[in-house]
Amino acid sequence: MHTTHDTIAAISTAVGEGGIAVIRVSGPEAIARCAAVFRSSHDLTKAESHTVHYGHIVDPVSGEK
């Protein structure tokens, strides 16, 4: 059972191959968790709520996409 204190993530893209993937993340730690692995031209910690940002998920250790 989830509470309002949980941070959750879910794939929002349909199953199959596609050009991009959409991941929905919400909860009190959503921005911090995403900022640790998401690379973009925007700083997620300064982004307004309910916005869309294009970037890449990277391994925080190796930097590999």
N, C-alpha and C. Protein backbone atom coordinates (compact mmCIF):
# COMPACT_ATOMS: atom_id res chain seq x y z
N MET A 1 0.84 -1.18 0.00
CA MET A 1 0.00 0.00 0.00
C MET A 1 0.89 1.25 0.00
N HIS A 2 0.56 2.19 -0.86
CA HIS A 2 1.32 3.44 -0.95
C HIS A 2 0.66 4.51 -0.10
N THR A 3 1.47 5.38 0.43
CA THR A 3 0.95 6.51 1.18
C THR A 3 1.37 7.79 0.48
N THR A 4 0.93 8.93 0.94
CA THR A 4 1.30 10.20 0.34
C THR A 4 2.77 10.54 0.59
N HIS A 5 3.45 9.73 1.39
CA HIS A 5 4.86 9.97 1.69
C HIS A 5 5.78 9.16 0.78
N ASP A 6 5.21 8.30 -0.08
CA ASP A 6 6.01 7.47 -0.98
C ASP A 6 6.42 8.25 -2.23
N THR A 7 7.57 7.92 -2.76
CA THR A 7 8.00 8.39 -4.06
C THR A 7 7.87 7.20 -5.00
N ILE A 8 7.12 7.37 -6.09
CA ILE A 8 6.85 6.27 -7.00
C ILE A 8 7.24 6.65 -8.43
N ALA A 9 7.51 5.63 -9.24
CA ALA A 9 7.81 5.82 -10.65
C ALA A 9 7.10 4.75 -11.44
N ALA A 10 6.68 5.10 -12.67
CA ALA A 10 6.01 4.14 -13.53
C ALA A 10 6.27 4.48 -14.98
N ILE A 11 6.43 3.46 -15.79
CA ILE A 11 6.57 3.67 -17.23
C ILE A 11 5.21 4.07 -17.77
N SER A 12 5.17 5.17 -18.53
CA SER A 12 3.91 5.66 -19.08
C SER A 12 3.81 5.45 -20.58
N THR A 13 4.82 4.85 -21.18
CA THR A 13 4.85 4.60 -22.61
C THR A 13 4.26 3.22 -22.89
N ALA A 14 3.58 3.12 -24.01
CA ALA A 14 3.00 1.83 -24.40
C ALA A 14 4.10 0.79 -24.61
N VAL A 15 3.77 -0.47 -24.44
CA VAL A 15 4.71 -1.57 -24.64
C VAL A 15 5.10 -1.63 -26.12
N GLY A 16 6.37 -1.88 -26.38
CA GLY A 16 6.86 -2.00 -27.75
C GLY A 16 7.99 -1.02 -28.00
N GLU A 17 8.42 -0.95 -29.24
CA GLU A 17 9.52 -0.05 -29.60
C GLU A 17 8.98 1.34 -29.88
N GLY A 18 9.79 2.35 -29.54
CA GLY A 18 9.39 3.73 -29.77
C GLY A 18 10.60 4.64 -29.77
N GLY A 19 10.37 5.85 -30.18
CA GLY A 19 11.45 6.83 -30.25
C GLY A 19 11.87 7.36 -28.90
N ILE A 20 10.93 7.47 -27.98
CA ILE A 20 11.23 7.95 -26.63
C ILE A 20 10.43 7.14 -25.63
N ALA A 21 10.83 7.24 -24.39
CA ALA A 21 10.09 6.60 -23.30
C ALA A 21 9.65 7.68 -22.33
N VAL A 22 8.46 7.53 -21.79
CA VAL A 22 7.94 8.47 -20.81
C VAL A 22 7.86 7.77 -19.47
N ILE A 23 8.45 8.41 -18.47
CA ILE A 23 8.42 7.87 -17.11
C ILE A 23 7.76 8.91 -16.22
N ARG A 24 6.74 8.49 -15.50
CA ARG A 24 6.07 9.40 -14.57
C ARG A 24 6.60 9.12 -13.17
N VAL A 25 7.00 10.18 -12.50
CA VAL A 25 7.55 10.06 -11.15
C VAL A 25 6.84 11.08 -10.27
N SER A 26 6.43 10.65 -9.08
CA SER A 26 5.79 11.60 -8.17
C SER A 26 6.11 11.23 -6.73
N GLY A 27 5.97 12.20 -5.87
CA GLY A 27 6.25 12.00 -4.45
C GLY A 27 7.28 12.99 -3.96
N PRO A 28 7.50 13.02 -2.67
CA PRO A 28 8.37 14.03 -2.06
C PRO A 28 9.83 13.97 -2.49
N GLU A 29 10.32 12.83 -2.92
CA GLU A 29 11.72 12.71 -3.33
C GLU A 29 11.88 12.57 -4.85
N ALA A 30 10.82 12.82 -5.60
CA ALA A 30 10.83 12.59 -7.05
C ALA A 30 11.93 13.38 -7.76
N ILE A 31 12.04 14.66 -7.50
CA ILE A 31 13.03 15.49 -8.18
C ILE A 31 14.45 15.05 -7.82
N ALA A 32 14.73 14.84 -6.56
CA ALA A 32 16.07 14.44 -6.14
C ALA A 32 16.47 13.09 -6.73
N ARG A 33 15.55 12.15 -6.74
CA ARG A 33 15.85 10.82 -7.29
C ARG A 33 16.11 10.89 -8.79
N CYS A 34 15.29 11.65 -9.50
CA CYS A 34 15.47 11.78 -10.95
C CYS A 34 16.73 12.56 -11.30
N ALA A 35 16.99 13.63 -10.58
CA ALA A 35 18.17 14.46 -10.85
C ALA A 35 19.46 13.66 -10.72
N ALA A 36 19.46 12.61 -9.92
CA ALA A 36 20.65 11.79 -9.72
C ALA A 36 21.02 10.97 -10.96
N VAL A 37 20.04 10.68 -11.81
CA VAL A 37 20.30 9.82 -12.97
C VAL A 37 19.87 10.42 -14.31
N PHE A 38 19.25 11.59 -14.31
CA PHE A 38 18.72 12.20 -15.53
C PHE A 38 19.63 13.33 -15.99
N ARG A 39 20.02 13.30 -17.27
CA ARG A 39 20.86 14.35 -17.83
C ARG A 39 20.11 15.06 -18.95
N SER A 40 20.08 16.37 -18.86
CA SER A 40 19.33 17.20 -19.80
C SER A 40 19.95 18.58 -19.82
N SER A 41 19.44 19.43 -20.70
CA SER A 41 19.91 20.82 -20.71
C SER A 41 19.24 21.63 -19.60
N HIS A 42 18.28 21.04 -18.90
CA HIS A 42 17.57 21.70 -17.81
C HIS A 42 18.00 21.12 -16.47
N ASP A 43 18.09 21.94 -15.46
CA ASP A 43 18.37 21.49 -14.10
C ASP A 43 17.03 21.13 -13.45
N LEU A 44 16.82 19.85 -13.22
CA LEU A 44 15.53 19.41 -12.66
C LEU A 44 15.24 20.01 -11.30
N THR A 45 16.27 20.33 -10.54
CA THR A 45 16.03 20.87 -9.20
C THR A 45 15.48 22.30 -9.27
N LYS A 46 15.55 22.93 -10.46
CA LYS A 46 15.03 24.28 -10.63
C LYS A 46 13.80 24.31 -11.55
N ALA A 47 13.33 23.16 -11.98
CA ALA A 47 12.20 23.07 -12.90
C ALA A 47 10.87 23.28 -12.17
N GLU A 48 9.94 23.87 -12.88
CA GLU A 48 8.59 24.03 -12.32
C GLU A 48 7.89 22.68 -12.30
N SER A 49 6.94 22.54 -11.42
CA SER A 49 6.14 21.32 -11.32
C SER A 49 5.30 21.12 -12.58
N HIS A 50 4.98 19.87 -12.86
CA HIS A 50 4.11 19.51 -13.98
C HIS A 50 4.67 19.97 -15.33
N THR A 51 5.96 19.76 -15.54
CA THR A 51 6.60 20.12 -16.80
C THR A 51 7.24 18.88 -17.42
N VAL A 52 7.56 18.96 -18.70
CA VAL A 52 8.15 17.86 -19.44
C VAL A 52 9.58 18.24 -19.81
N HIS A 53 10.51 17.29 -19.68
CA HIS A 53 11.91 17.54 -20.00
C HIS A 53 12.48 16.36 -20.78
N TYR A 54 13.19 16.65 -21.87
CA TYR A 54 13.83 15.63 -22.67
C TYR A 54 15.27 15.47 -22.21
N GLY A 55 15.70 14.24 -22.08
CA GLY A 55 17.07 13.97 -21.67
C GLY A 55 17.35 12.49 -21.72
N HIS A 56 18.35 12.07 -20.98
CA HIS A 56 18.77 10.67 -20.96
C HIS A 56 18.93 10.20 -19.53
N ILE A 57 18.63 8.93 -19.30
CA ILE A 57 18.90 8.29 -18.03
C ILE A 57 20.32 7.75 -18.12
N VAL A 58 21.14 8.03 -17.14
CA VAL A 58 22.53 7.60 -17.16
C VAL A 58 22.88 6.85 -15.88
N ASP A 59 23.87 6.00 -16.00
CA ASP A 59 24.43 5.33 -14.83
C ASP A 59 25.20 6.38 -14.05
N PRO A 60 24.86 6.62 -12.78
CA PRO A 60 25.55 7.67 -12.03
C PRO A 60 27.03 7.41 -11.79
N VAL A 61 27.47 6.17 -11.90
CA VAL A 61 28.88 5.84 -11.69
C VAL A 61 29.67 5.98 -12.99
N SER A 62 29.20 5.33 -14.05
CA SER A 62 29.96 5.33 -15.31
C SER A 62 29.57 6.47 -16.25
N GLY A 63 28.37 7.03 -16.07
CA GLY A 63 27.89 8.06 -16.99
C GLY A 63 27.32 7.50 -18.28
N GLU A 64 27.27 6.16 -18.39
CA GLU A 64 26.75 5.52 -19.59
C GLU A 64 25.24 5.70 -19.70
N LYS A 65 24.77 6.03 -20.94
CA LYS A 65 23.33 6.18 -21.18
C LYS A 65 22.65 4.83 -21.14
